[in-house]
Amino acid sequence: RVIHLLALKNYKKSELLACLEREGVVQKDKESLGKILQEVANLDANENSFSLKEHFFKDIQVDWPGYSERDRKTLEATLFQKTAPSTNATSTSQSLSLATSERHIPPRTAQ
């Protein structure tokens, strides 16, 4: 539940607790939230919020029953951004490769 919630957006701990309470999570599970967050989330100290660690996005199920239709669309967009290669990074690295390889071409001699 925590992983699927964090896949949608960053949450403060109190917001996560509220979501879990609405879903009927038992007290024992709420008490283990801190430990779960240490395993699956990164803390943004400035915002005091948690974001899902990158490698957990591969485990997300878009058809998870806790998602609304709006959540699914948000998640699909997020997953697309996470999995699509960055065109800027690719074109930049290609430009750098070309520039580097051009420097290694020996100068032509006059014939």
PDB file of N, CA and C in Angstrom:
ATOM      1  N   ARG A   1       0.822  -1.204   0.000  1.00  0.00           N
ATOM      2  CA  ARG A   1       0.000   0.000   0.000  1.00  0.00           C
ATOM      3  C   ARG A   1       0.853   1.250   0.000  1.00  0.00           C
ATOM      4  N   VAL A   2       1.872   1.265   0.814  1.00  0.00           N
ATOM      5  CA  VAL A   2       2.728   2.439   0.906  1.00  0.00           C
ATOM      6  C   VAL A   2       3.450   2.673  -0.414  1.00  0.00           C
ATOM      7  N   ILE A   3       3.985   1.639  -1.002  1.00  0.00           N
ATOM      8  CA  ILE A   3       4.690   1.764  -2.279  1.00  0.00           C
ATOM      9  C   ILE A   3       3.750   2.305  -3.348  1.00  0.00           C
ATOM     10  N   HIS A   4       2.546   1.783  -3.416  1.00  0.00           N
ATOM     11  CA  HIS A   4       1.598   2.224  -4.440  1.00  0.00           C
ATOM     12  C   HIS A   4       1.149   3.668  -4.207  1.00  0.00           C
ATOM     13  N   LEU A   5       1.041   4.080  -2.976  1.00  0.00           N
ATOM     14  CA  LEU A   5       0.691   5.477  -2.696  1.00  0.00           C
ATOM     15  C   LEU A   5       1.830   6.411  -3.081  1.00  0.00           C
ATOM     16  N   LEU A   6       3.058   6.052  -2.694  1.00  0.00           N
ATOM     17  CA  LEU A   6       4.218   6.897  -2.992  1.00  0.00           C
ATOM     18  C   LEU A   6       4.524   6.961  -4.491  1.00  0.00           C
ATOM     19  N   ALA A   7       4.056   5.985  -5.242  1.00  0.00           N
ATOM     20  CA  ALA A   7       4.274   6.012  -6.690  1.00  0.00           C
ATOM     21  C   ALA A   7       3.504   7.160  -7.339  1.00  0.00           C
ATOM     22  N   LEU A   8       2.444   7.622  -6.682  1.00  0.00           N
ATOM     23  CA  LEU A   8       1.633   8.702  -7.236  1.00  0.00           C
ATOM     24  C   LEU A   8       2.223  10.078  -6.988  1.00  0.00           C
ATOM     25  N   LYS A   9       2.740  10.278  -5.772  1.00  0.00           N
ATOM     26  CA  LYS A   9       3.268  11.590  -5.408  1.00  0.00           C
ATOM     27  C   LYS A   9       4.029  11.472  -4.097  1.00  0.00           C
ATOM     28  N   ASN A  10       4.686  12.551  -3.715  1.00  0.00           N
ATOM     29  CA  ASN A  10       5.367  12.607  -2.427  1.00  0.00           C
ATOM     30  C   ASN A  10       4.332  12.839  -1.330  1.00  0.00           C
ATOM     31  N   TYR A  11       4.555  12.204  -0.200  1.00  0.00           N
ATOM     32  CA  TYR A  11       3.644  12.334   0.934  1.00  0.00           C
ATOM     33  C   TYR A  11       4.413  12.680   2.195  1.00  0.00           C
ATOM     34  N   LYS A  12       3.783  13.460   3.047  1.00  0.00           N
ATOM     35  CA  LYS A  12       4.280  13.628   4.408  1.00  0.00           C
ATOM     36  C   LYS A  12       3.778  12.427   5.190  1.00  0.00           C
ATOM     37  N   LYS A  13       4.458  12.108   6.269  1.00  0.00           N
ATOM     38  CA  LYS A  13       4.096  10.923   7.046  1.00  0.00           C
ATOM     39  C   LYS A  13       2.658  11.011   7.540  1.00  0.00           C
ATOM     40  N   SER A  14       2.246  12.182   7.977  1.00  0.00           N
ATOM     41  CA  SER A  14       0.873  12.350   8.475  1.00  0.00           C
ATOM     42  C   SER A  14      -0.157  12.108   7.367  1.00  0.00           C
ATOM     43  N   GLU A  15       0.176  12.512   6.126  1.00  0.00           N
ATOM     44  CA  GLU A  15      -0.728  12.279   5.000  1.00  0.00           C
ATOM     45  C   GLU A  15      -0.843  10.786   4.694  1.00  0.00           C
ATOM     46  N   LEU A  16       0.286  10.096   4.751  1.00  0.00           N
ATOM     47  CA  LEU A  16       0.262   8.644   4.527  1.00  0.00           C
ATOM     48  C   LEU A  16      -0.578   7.950   5.586  1.00  0.00           C
ATOM     49  N   LEU A  17      -0.386   8.351   6.836  1.00  0.00           N
ATOM     50  CA  LEU A  17      -1.169   7.763   7.926  1.00  0.00           C
ATOM     51  C   LEU A  17      -2.662   7.984   7.697  1.00  0.00           C
ATOM     52  N   ALA A  18      -3.039   9.173   7.268  1.00  0.00           N
ATOM     53  CA  ALA A  18      -4.446   9.472   7.002  1.00  0.00           C
ATOM     54  C   ALA A  18      -4.995   8.570   5.895  1.00  0.00           C
ATOM     55  N   CYS A  19      -4.221   8.389   4.831  1.00  0.00           N
ATOM     56  CA  CYS A  19      -4.641   7.507   3.728  1.00  0.00           C
ATOM     57  C   CYS A  19      -4.819   6.078   4.223  1.00  0.00           C
ATOM     58  N   LEU A  20      -3.857   5.618   4.997  1.00  0.00           N
ATOM     59  CA  LEU A  20      -3.908   4.249   5.505  1.00  0.00           C
ATOM     60  C   LEU A  20      -5.090   4.061   6.454  1.00  0.00           C
ATOM     61  N   GLU A  21      -5.381   5.056   7.268  1.00  0.00           N
ATOM     62  CA  GLU A  21      -6.530   4.970   8.169  1.00  0.00           C
ATOM     63  C   GLU A  21      -7.836   4.879   7.384  1.00  0.00           C
ATOM     64  N   ARG A  22      -7.943   5.667   6.310  1.00  0.00           N
ATOM     65  CA  ARG A  22      -9.148   5.613   5.466  1.00  0.00           C
ATOM     66  C   ARG A  22      -9.331   4.231   4.858  1.00  0.00           C
ATOM     67  N   GLU A  23      -8.223   3.549   4.589  1.00  0.00           N
ATOM     68  CA  GLU A  23      -8.287   2.214   3.997  1.00  0.00           C
ATOM     69  C   GLU A  23      -8.500   1.125   5.044  1.00  0.00           C
ATOM     70  N   GLY A  24      -8.510   1.516   6.311  1.00  0.00           N
ATOM     71  CA  GLY A  24      -8.783   0.556   7.368  1.00  0.00           C
ATOM     72  C   GLY A  24      -7.585  -0.235   7.846  1.00  0.00           C
ATOM     73  N   VAL A  25      -6.406   0.343   7.753  1.00  0.00           N
ATOM     74  CA  VAL A  25      -5.198  -0.342   8.206  1.00  0.00           C
ATOM     75  C   VAL A  25      -5.233  -0.460   9.729  1.00  0.00           C
ATOM     76  N   VAL A  26      -4.792  -1.596  10.227  1.00  0.00           N
ATOM     77  CA  VAL A  26      -4.808  -1.831  11.674  1.00  0.00           C
ATOM     78  C   VAL A  26      -3.661  -1.090  12.355  1.00  0.00           C
ATOM     79  N   GLN A  27      -3.793  -0.861  13.651  1.00  0.00           N
ATOM     80  CA  GLN A  27      -2.826  -0.092  14.428  1.00  0.00           C
ATOM     81  C   GLN A  27      -1.410  -0.653  14.301  1.00  0.00           C
ATOM     82  N   LYS A  28      -1.287  -1.973  14.336  1.00  0.00           N
ATOM     83  CA  LYS A  28       0.035  -2.612  14.236  1.00  0.00           C
ATOM     84  C   LYS A  28       0.750  -2.196  12.951  1.00  0.00           C
ATOM     85  N   ASP A  29       0.005  -2.145  11.838  1.00  0.00           N
ATOM     86  CA  ASP A  29       0.599  -1.758  10.563  1.00  0.00           C
ATOM     87  C   ASP A  29       0.965  -0.272  10.552  1.00  0.00           C
ATOM     88  N   LYS A  30       0.154   0.562  11.176  1.00  0.00           N
ATOM     89  CA  LYS A  30       0.463   1.993  11.242  1.00  0.00           C
ATOM     90  C   LYS A  30       1.742   2.233  12.044  1.00  0.00           C
ATOM     91  N   GLU A  31       1.945   1.427  13.070  1.00  0.00           N
ATOM     92  CA  GLU A  31       3.142   1.581  13.905  1.00  0.00           C
ATOM     93  C   GLU A  31       4.422   1.206  13.157  1.00  0.00           C
ATOM     94  N   SER A  32       4.297   0.371  12.145  1.00  0.00           N
ATOM     95  CA  SER A  32       5.484  -0.040  11.377  1.00  0.00           C
ATOM     96  C   SER A  32       5.749   0.877  10.180  1.00  0.00           C
ATOM     97  N   LEU A  33       4.982   1.952  10.040  1.00  0.00           N
ATOM     98  CA  LEU A  33       5.140   2.842   8.894  1.00  0.00           C
ATOM     99  C   LEU A  33       6.548   3.442   8.815  1.00  0.00           C
ATOM    100  N   GLY A  34       7.109   3.843   9.941  1.00  0.00           N
ATOM    101  CA  GLY A  34       8.460   4.418   9.932  1.00  0.00           C
ATOM    102  C   GLY A  34       9.483   3.461   9.358  1.00  0.00           C
ATOM    103  N   LYS A  35       9.403   2.219   9.749  1.00  0.00           N
ATOM    104  CA  LYS A  35      10.340   1.199   9.251  1.00  0.00           C
ATOM    105  C   LYS A  35      10.132   0.960   7.749  1.00  0.00           C
ATOM    106  N   ILE A  36       8.884   0.924   7.339  1.00  0.00           N
ATOM    107  CA  ILE A  36       8.572   0.717   5.926  1.00  0.00           C
ATOM    108  C   ILE A  36       9.121   1.875   5.090  1.00  0.00           C
ATOM    109  N   LEU A  37       8.921   3.094   5.585  1.00  0.00           N
ATOM    110  CA  LEU A  37       9.412   4.266   4.852  1.00  0.00           C
ATOM    111  C   LEU A  37      10.927   4.251   4.711  1.00  0.00           C
ATOM    112  N   GLN A  38      11.626   3.783   5.724  1.00  0.00           N
ATOM    113  CA  GLN A  38      13.093   3.695   5.629  1.00  0.00           C
ATOM    114  C   GLN A  38      13.508   2.760   4.505  1.00  0.00           C
ATOM    115  N   GLU A  39      12.734   1.720   4.284  1.00  0.00           N
ATOM    116  CA  GLU A  39      13.070   0.728   3.259  1.00  0.00           C
ATOM    117  C   GLU A  39      12.719   1.183   1.847  1.00  0.00           C
ATOM    118  N   VAL A  40      11.584   1.862   1.688  1.00  0.00           N
ATOM    119  CA  VAL A  40      11.071   2.109   0.344  1.00  0.00           C
ATOM    120  C   VAL A  40      11.099   3.561  -0.104  1.00  0.00           C
ATOM    121  N   ALA A  41      11.425   4.491   0.808  1.00  0.00           N
ATOM    122  CA  ALA A  41      11.292   5.908   0.456  1.00  0.00           C
ATOM    123  C   ALA A  41      12.538   6.702   0.781  1.00  0.00           C
ATOM    124  N   ASN A  42      12.644   7.830   0.100  1.00  0.00           N
ATOM    125  CA  ASN A  42      13.675   8.828   0.383  1.00  0.00           C
ATOM    126  C   ASN A  42      12.996  10.001   1.072  1.00  0.00           C
ATOM    127  N   LEU A  43      13.638  10.541   2.083  1.00  0.00           N
ATOM    128  CA  LEU A  43      13.105  11.690   2.798  1.00  0.00           C
ATOM    129  C   LEU A  43      13.657  12.970   2.198  1.00  0.00           C
ATOM    130  N   ASP A  44      12.767  13.876   1.845  1.00  0.00           N
ATOM    131  CA  ASP A  44      13.155  15.218   1.422  1.00  0.00           C
ATOM    132  C   ASP A  44      13.071  16.079   2.672  1.00  0.00           C
ATOM    133  N   ALA A  45      14.226  16.392   3.245  1.00  0.00           N
ATOM    134  CA  ALA A  45      14.268  17.114   4.515  1.00  0.00           C
ATOM    135  C   ALA A  45      13.680  18.524   4.392  1.00  0.00           C
ATOM    136  N   ASN A  46      13.833  19.151   3.238  1.00  0.00           N
ATOM    137  CA  ASN A  46      13.287  20.501   3.048  1.00  0.00           C
ATOM    138  C   ASN A  46      11.766  20.500   3.085  1.00  0.00           C
ATOM    139  N   GLU A  47      11.176  19.525   2.437  1.00  0.00           N
ATOM    140  CA  GLU A  47       9.717  19.432   2.358  1.00  0.00           C
ATOM    141  C   GLU A  47       9.128  18.553   3.466  1.00  0.00           C
ATOM    142  N   ASN A  48       9.997  17.829   4.149  1.00  0.00           N
ATOM    143  CA  ASN A  48       9.569  16.859   5.157  1.00  0.00           C
ATOM    144  C   ASN A  48       8.561  15.866   4.558  1.00  0.00           C
ATOM    145  N   SER A  49       8.880  15.413   3.343  1.00  0.00           N
ATOM    146  CA  SER A  49       8.010  14.463   2.660  1.00  0.00           C
ATOM    147  C   SER A  49       8.832  13.293   2.142  1.00  0.00           C
ATOM    148  N   PHE A  50       8.130  12.245   1.794  1.00  0.00           N
ATOM    149  CA  PHE A  50       8.760  11.016   1.333  1.00  0.00           C
ATOM    150  C   PHE A  50       8.431  10.771  -0.127  1.00  0.00           C
ATOM    151  N   SER A  51       9.428  10.309  -0.871  1.00  0.00           N
ATOM    152  CA  SER A  51       9.242   9.917  -2.273  1.00  0.00           C
ATOM    153  C   SER A  51       9.707   8.478  -2.431  1.00  0.00           C
ATOM    154  N   LEU A  52       9.091   7.785  -3.352  1.00  0.00           N
ATOM    155  CA  LEU A  52       9.415   6.379  -3.587  1.00  0.00           C
ATOM    156  C   LEU A  52      10.810   6.252  -4.180  1.00  0.00           C
ATOM    157  N   LYS A  53      11.600   5.324  -3.661  1.00  0.00           N
ATOM    158  CA  LYS A  53      12.924   5.054  -4.225  1.00  0.00           C
ATOM    159  C   LYS A  53      12.738   4.539  -5.653  1.00  0.00           C
ATOM    160  N   GLU A  54      13.629   4.976  -6.531  1.00  0.00           N
ATOM    161  CA  GLU A  54      13.506   4.696  -7.963  1.00  0.00           C
ATOM    162  C   GLU A  54      13.311   3.221  -8.301  1.00  0.00           C
ATOM    163  N   HIS A  55      14.063   2.341  -7.653  1.00  0.00           N
ATOM    164  CA  HIS A  55      14.015   0.938  -8.060  1.00  0.00           C
ATOM    165  C   HIS A  55      12.693   0.250  -7.709  1.00  0.00           C
ATOM    166  N   PHE A  56      11.833   0.896  -6.930  1.00  0.00           N
ATOM    167  CA  PHE A  56      10.537   0.305  -6.603  1.00  0.00           C
ATOM    168  C   PHE A  56       9.490   0.560  -7.678  1.00  0.00           C
ATOM    169  N   PHE A  57       9.746   1.494  -8.579  1.00  0.00           N
ATOM    170  CA  PHE A  57       8.757   1.778  -9.616  1.00  0.00           C
ATOM    171  C   PHE A  57       8.508   0.565 -10.519  1.00  0.00           C
ATOM    172  N   LYS A  58       9.497  -0.320 -10.627  1.00  0.00           N
ATOM    173  CA  LYS A  58       9.303  -1.515 -11.459  1.00  0.00           C
ATOM    174  C   LYS A  58       8.287  -2.480 -10.843  1.00  0.00           C
ATOM    175  N   ASP A  59       8.016  -2.339  -9.544  1.00  0.00           N
ATOM    176  CA  ASP A  59       7.086  -3.228  -8.854  1.00  0.00           C
ATOM    177  C   ASP A  59       5.648  -2.705  -8.832  1.00  0.00           C
ATOM    178  N   ILE A  60       5.418  -1.531  -9.373  1.00  0.00           N
ATOM    179  CA  ILE A  60       4.100  -0.913  -9.303  1.00  0.00           C
ATOM    180  C   ILE A  60       3.130  -1.611 -10.242  1.00  0.00           C
ATOM    181  N   GLN A  61       1.928  -1.857  -9.735  1.00  0.00           N
ATOM    182  CA  GLN A  61       0.858  -2.447 -10.529  1.00  0.00           C
ATOM    183  C   GLN A  61      -0.153  -1.346 -10.839  1.00  0.00           C
ATOM    184  N   VAL A  62      -0.262  -0.983 -12.117  1.00  0.00           N
ATOM    185  CA  VAL A  62      -1.166   0.090 -12.512  1.00  0.00           C
ATOM    186  C   VAL A  62      -2.613  -0.288 -12.194  1.00  0.00           C
ATOM    187  N   ASP A  63      -2.915  -1.576 -12.212  1.00  0.00           N
ATOM    188  CA  ASP A  63      -4.293  -2.013 -11.941  1.00  0.00           C
ATOM    189  C   ASP A  63      -4.543  -2.321 -10.459  1.00  0.00           C
ATOM    190  N   TRP A  64      -3.677  -1.803  -9.577  1.00  0.00           N
ATOM    191  CA  TRP A  64      -3.858  -2.007  -8.140  1.00  0.00           C
ATOM    192  C   TRP A  64      -5.248  -1.516  -7.750  1.00  0.00           C
ATOM    193  N   PRO A  65      -6.013  -2.303  -6.983  1.00  0.00           N
ATOM    194  CA  PRO A  65      -7.406  -1.941  -6.661  1.00  0.00           C
ATOM    195  C   PRO A  65      -7.559  -0.637  -5.870  1.00  0.00           C
ATOM    196  N   GLY A  66      -6.521  -0.175  -5.220  1.00  0.00           N
ATOM    197  CA  GLY A  66      -6.610   1.060  -4.457  1.00  0.00           C
ATOM    198  C   GLY A  66      -6.536   2.325  -5.299  1.00  0.00           C
ATOM    199  N   TYR A  67      -6.266   2.183  -6.604  1.00  0.00           N
ATOM    200  CA  TYR A  67      -6.165   3.340  -7.476  1.00  0.00           C
ATOM    201  C   TYR A  67      -7.510   3.689  -8.104  1.00  0.00           C
ATOM    202  N   SER A  68      -7.798   4.988  -8.159  1.00  0.00           N
ATOM    203  CA  SER A  68      -8.945   5.465  -8.924  1.00  0.00           C
ATOM    204  C   SER A  68      -8.509   5.565 -10.382  1.00  0.00           C
ATOM    205  N   GLU A  69      -9.448   5.856 -11.261  1.00  0.00           N
ATOM    206  CA  GLU A  69      -9.103   6.025 -12.677  1.00  0.00           C
ATOM    207  C   GLU A  69      -8.133   7.196 -12.847  1.00  0.00           C
ATOM    208  N   ARG A  70      -8.338   8.252 -12.103  1.00  0.00           N
ATOM    209  CA  ARG A  70      -7.443   9.420 -12.156  1.00  0.00           C
ATOM    210  C   ARG A  70      -6.038   9.033 -11.679  1.00  0.00           C
ATOM    211  N   ASP A  71      -5.970   8.242 -10.594  1.00  0.00           N
ATOM    212  CA  ASP A  71      -4.675   7.772 -10.088  1.00  0.00           C
ATOM    213  C   ASP A  71      -3.944   6.962 -11.145  1.00  0.00           C
ATOM    214  N   ARG A  72      -4.681   6.110 -11.842  1.00  0.00           N
ATOM    215  CA  ARG A  72      -4.055   5.270 -12.876  1.00  0.00           C
ATOM    216  C   ARG A  72      -3.440   6.120 -13.985  1.00  0.00           C
ATOM    217  N   LYS A  73      -4.170   7.158 -14.388  1.00  0.00           N
ATOM    218  CA  LYS A  73      -3.649   8.023 -15.450  1.00  0.00           C
ATOM    219  C   LYS A  73      -2.409   8.772 -14.968  1.00  0.00           C
ATOM    220  N   THR A  74      -2.449   9.252 -13.741  1.00  0.00           N
ATOM    221  CA  THR A  74      -1.283   9.936 -13.162  1.00  0.00           C
ATOM    222  C   THR A  74      -0.104   8.980 -13.113  1.00  0.00           C
ATOM    223  N   LEU A  75      -0.352   7.760 -12.659  1.00  0.00           N
ATOM    224  CA  LEU A  75       0.706   6.763 -12.547  1.00  0.00           C
ATOM    225  C   LEU A  75       1.282   6.395 -13.907  1.00  0.00           C
ATOM    226  N   GLU A  76       0.431   6.226 -14.903  1.00  0.00           N
ATOM    227  CA  GLU A  76       0.927   5.885 -16.236  1.00  0.00           C
ATOM    228  C   GLU A  76       1.862   6.973 -16.757  1.00  0.00           C
ATOM    229  N   ALA A  77       1.503   8.224 -16.522  1.00  0.00           N
ATOM    230  CA  ALA A  77       2.367   9.334 -16.961  1.00  0.00           C
ATOM    231  C   ALA A  77       3.695   9.309 -16.199  1.00  0.00           C
ATOM    232  N   THR A  78       3.625   9.059 -14.902  1.00  0.00           N
ATOM    233  CA  THR A  78       4.835   8.994 -14.079  1.00  0.00           C
ATOM    234  C   THR A  78       5.729   7.851 -14.529  1.00  0.00           C
ATOM    235  N   LEU A  79       5.144   6.683 -14.742  1.00  0.00           N
ATOM    236  CA  LEU A  79       5.933   5.523 -15.164  1.00  0.00           C
ATOM    237  C   LEU A  79       6.542   5.747 -16.543  1.00  0.00           C
ATOM    238  N   PHE A  80       5.816   6.419 -17.426  1.00  0.00           N
ATOM    239  CA  PHE A  80       6.351   6.715 -18.753  1.00  0.00           C
ATOM    240  C   PHE A  80       7.586   7.604 -18.625  1.00  0.00           C
ATOM    241  N   GLN A  81       7.507   8.623 -17.765  1.00  0.00           N
ATOM    242  CA  GLN A  81       8.647   9.519 -17.558  1.00  0.00           C
ATOM    243  C   GLN A  81       9.835   8.775 -16.966  1.00  0.00           C
ATOM    244  N   LYS A  82       9.555   7.829 -16.072  1.00  0.00           N
ATOM    245  CA  LYS A  82      10.632   7.096 -15.410  1.00  0.00           C
ATOM    246  C   LYS A  82      11.312   6.111 -16.356  1.00  0.00           C
ATOM    247  N   THR A  83      10.554   5.577 -17.322  1.00  0.00           N
ATOM    248  CA  THR A  83      11.109   4.532 -18.184  1.00  0.00           C
ATOM    249  C   THR A  83      11.546   5.038 -19.543  1.00  0.00           C
ATOM    250  N   ALA A  84      11.027   6.197 -19.982  1.00  0.00           N
ATOM    251  CA  ALA A  84      11.405   6.723 -21.306  1.00  0.00           C
ATOM    252  C   ALA A  84      12.811   7.285 -21.240  1.00  0.00           C
ATOM    253  N   PRO A  85      13.630   6.965 -22.228  1.00  0.00           N
ATOM    254  CA  PRO A  85      14.977   7.539 -22.237  1.00  0.00           C
ATOM    255  C   PRO A  85      14.887   9.036 -22.478  1.00  0.00           C
ATOM    256  N   SER A  86      15.750   9.754 -21.851  1.00  0.00           N
ATOM    257  CA  SER A  86      15.776  11.206 -22.000  1.00  0.00           C
ATOM    258  C   SER A  86      16.376  11.557 -23.348  1.00  0.00           C
ATOM    259  N   THR A  87      15.612  12.255 -24.184  1.00  0.00           N
ATOM    260  CA  THR A  87      16.129  12.606 -25.500  1.00  0.00           C
ATOM    261  C   THR A  87      17.248  13.621 -25.380  1.00  0.00           C
ATOM    262  N   ASN A  88      17.166  14.516 -24.417  1.00  0.00           N
ATOM    263  CA  ASN A  88      18.235  15.494 -24.243  1.00  0.00           C
ATOM    264  C   ASN A  88      19.538  14.817 -23.857  1.00  0.00           C
ATOM    265  N   ALA A  89      19.470  13.873 -22.945  1.00  0.00           N
ATOM    266  CA  ALA A  89      20.690  13.183 -22.507  1.00  0.00           C
ATOM    267  C   ALA A  89      21.282  12.393 -23.664  1.00  0.00           C
ATOM    268  N   THR A  90      20.433  11.757 -24.462  1.00  0.00           N
ATOM    269  CA  THR A  90      20.916  10.962 -25.581  1.00  0.00           C
ATOM    270  C   THR A  90      21.568  11.850 -26.629  1.00  0.00           C
ATOM    271  N   SER A  91      20.904  12.938 -27.005  1.00  0.00           N
ATOM    272  CA  SER A  91      21.486  13.782 -28.044  1.00  0.00           C
ATOM    273  C   SER A  91      22.756  14.460 -27.548  1.00  0.00           C
ATOM    274  N   THR A  92      22.797  14.811 -26.268  1.00  0.00           N
ATOM    275  CA  THR A  92      24.007  15.426 -25.719  1.00  0.00           C
ATOM    276  C   THR A  92      25.160  14.447 -25.744  1.00  0.00           C
ATOM    277  N   SER A  93      24.927  13.211 -25.347  1.00  0.00           N
ATOM    278  CA  SER A  93      26.015  12.238 -25.324  1.00  0.00           C
ATOM    279  C   SER A  93      26.467  11.907 -26.745  1.00  0.00           C
ATOM    280  N   GLN A  94      25.534  11.878 -27.710  1.00  0.00           N
ATOM    281  CA  GLN A  94      25.921  11.625 -29.087  1.00  0.00           C
ATOM    282  C   GLN A  94      26.779  12.767 -29.615  1.00  0.00           C
ATOM    283  N   SER A  95      26.406  13.999 -29.284  1.00  0.00           N
ATOM    284  CA  SER A  95      27.187  15.153 -29.728  1.00  0.00           C
ATOM    285  C   SER A  95      28.585  15.101 -29.139  1.00  0.00           C
ATOM    286  N   LEU A  96      28.665  14.744 -27.861  1.00  0.00           N
ATOM    287  CA  LEU A  96      29.969  14.648 -27.221  1.00  0.00           C
ATOM    288  C   LEU A  96      30.806  13.554 -27.857  1.00  0.00           C
ATOM    289  N   SER A  97      30.186  12.432 -28.198  1.00  0.00           N
ATOM    290  CA  SER A  97      30.915  11.336 -28.823  1.00  0.00           C
ATOM    291  C   SER A  97      31.457  11.757 -30.178  1.00  0.00           C
ATOM    292  N   LEU A  98      30.640  12.452 -30.938  1.00  0.00           N
ATOM    293  CA  LEU A  98      31.087  12.890 -32.260  1.00  0.00           C
ATOM    294  C   LEU A  98      32.228  13.886 -32.138  1.00  0.00           C
ATOM    295  N   ALA A  99      32.072  14.822 -31.223  1.00  0.00           N
ATOM    296  CA  ALA A  99      33.119  15.828 -31.049  1.00  0.00           C
ATOM    297  C   ALA A  99      34.425  15.177 -30.616  1.00  0.00           C
ATOM    298  N   THR A 100      34.348  14.198 -29.742  1.00  0.00           N
ATOM    299  CA  THR A 100      35.543  13.507 -29.268  1.00  0.00           C
ATOM    300  C   THR A 100      36.179  12.699 -30.385  1.00  0.00           C
ATOM    301  N   SER A 101      35.367  11.986 -31.170  1.00  0.00           N
ATOM    302  CA  SER A 101      35.933  11.153 -32.231  1.00  0.00           C
ATOM    303  C   SER A 101      36.539  12.016 -33.334  1.00  0.00           C
ATOM    304  N   GLU A 102      35.963  13.197 -33.572  1.00  0.00           N
ATOM    305  CA  GLU A 102      36.514  14.074 -34.603  1.00  0.00           C
ATOM    306  C   GLU A 102      37.906  14.563 -34.221  1.00  0.00           C
ATOM    307  N   ARG A 103      38.150  14.733 -32.934  1.00  0.00           N
ATOM    308  CA  ARG A 103      39.463  15.198 -32.486  1.00  0.00           C
ATOM    309  C   ARG A 103      40.542  14.150 -32.724  1.00  0.00           C
ATOM    310  N   HIS A 104      40.155  12.888 -32.828  1.00  0.00           N
ATOM    311  CA  HIS A 104      41.143  11.819 -32.980  1.00  0.00           C
ATOM    312  C   HIS A 104      41.443  11.499 -34.447  1.00  0.00           C
ATOM    313  N   ILE A 105      40.827  12.213 -35.355  1.00  0.00           N
ATOM    314  CA  ILE A 105      41.092  11.991 -36.774  1.00  0.00           C
ATOM    315  C   ILE A 105      42.426  12.683 -37.102  1.00  0.00           C
ATOM    316  N   PRO A 106      43.362  11.941 -37.658  1.00  0.00           N
ATOM    317  CA  PRO A 106      44.650  12.569 -37.957  1.00  0.00           C
ATOM    318  C   PRO A 106      44.484  13.654 -39.014  1.00  0.00           C
ATOM    319  N   PRO A 107      45.250  14.733 -38.892  1.00  0.00           N
ATOM    320  CA  PRO A 107      45.149  15.817 -39.886  1.00  0.00           C
ATOM    321  C   PRO A 107      45.613  15.333 -41.252  1.00  0.00           C
ATOM    322  N   ARG A 108      44.960  15.832 -42.266  1.00  0.00           N
ATOM    323  CA  ARG A 108      45.342  15.431 -43.625  1.00  0.00           C
ATOM    324  C   ARG A 108      46.604  16.190 -44.041  1.00  0.00           C
ATOM    325  N   THR A 109      47.427  15.494 -44.752  1.00  0.00           N
ATOM    326  CA  THR A 109      48.654  16.148 -45.241  1.00  0.00           C
ATOM    327  C   THR A 109      48.428  16.625 -46.670  1.00  0.00           C
ATOM    328  N   ALA A 110      49.095  17.677 -47.028  1.00  0.00           N
ATOM    329  CA  ALA A 110      48.963  18.203 -48.390  1.00  0.00           C
ATOM    330  C   ALA A 110      49.629  17.248 -49.354  1.00  0.00           C
ATOM    331  N   GLN A 111      48.981  16.962 -50.459  1.00  0.00           N
ATOM    332  CA  GLN A 111      49.541  16.012 -51.434  1.00  0.00           C
ATOM    333  C   GLN A 111      50.190  16.715 -52.576  1.00  0.00           C
TER     334      GLN A 111
END
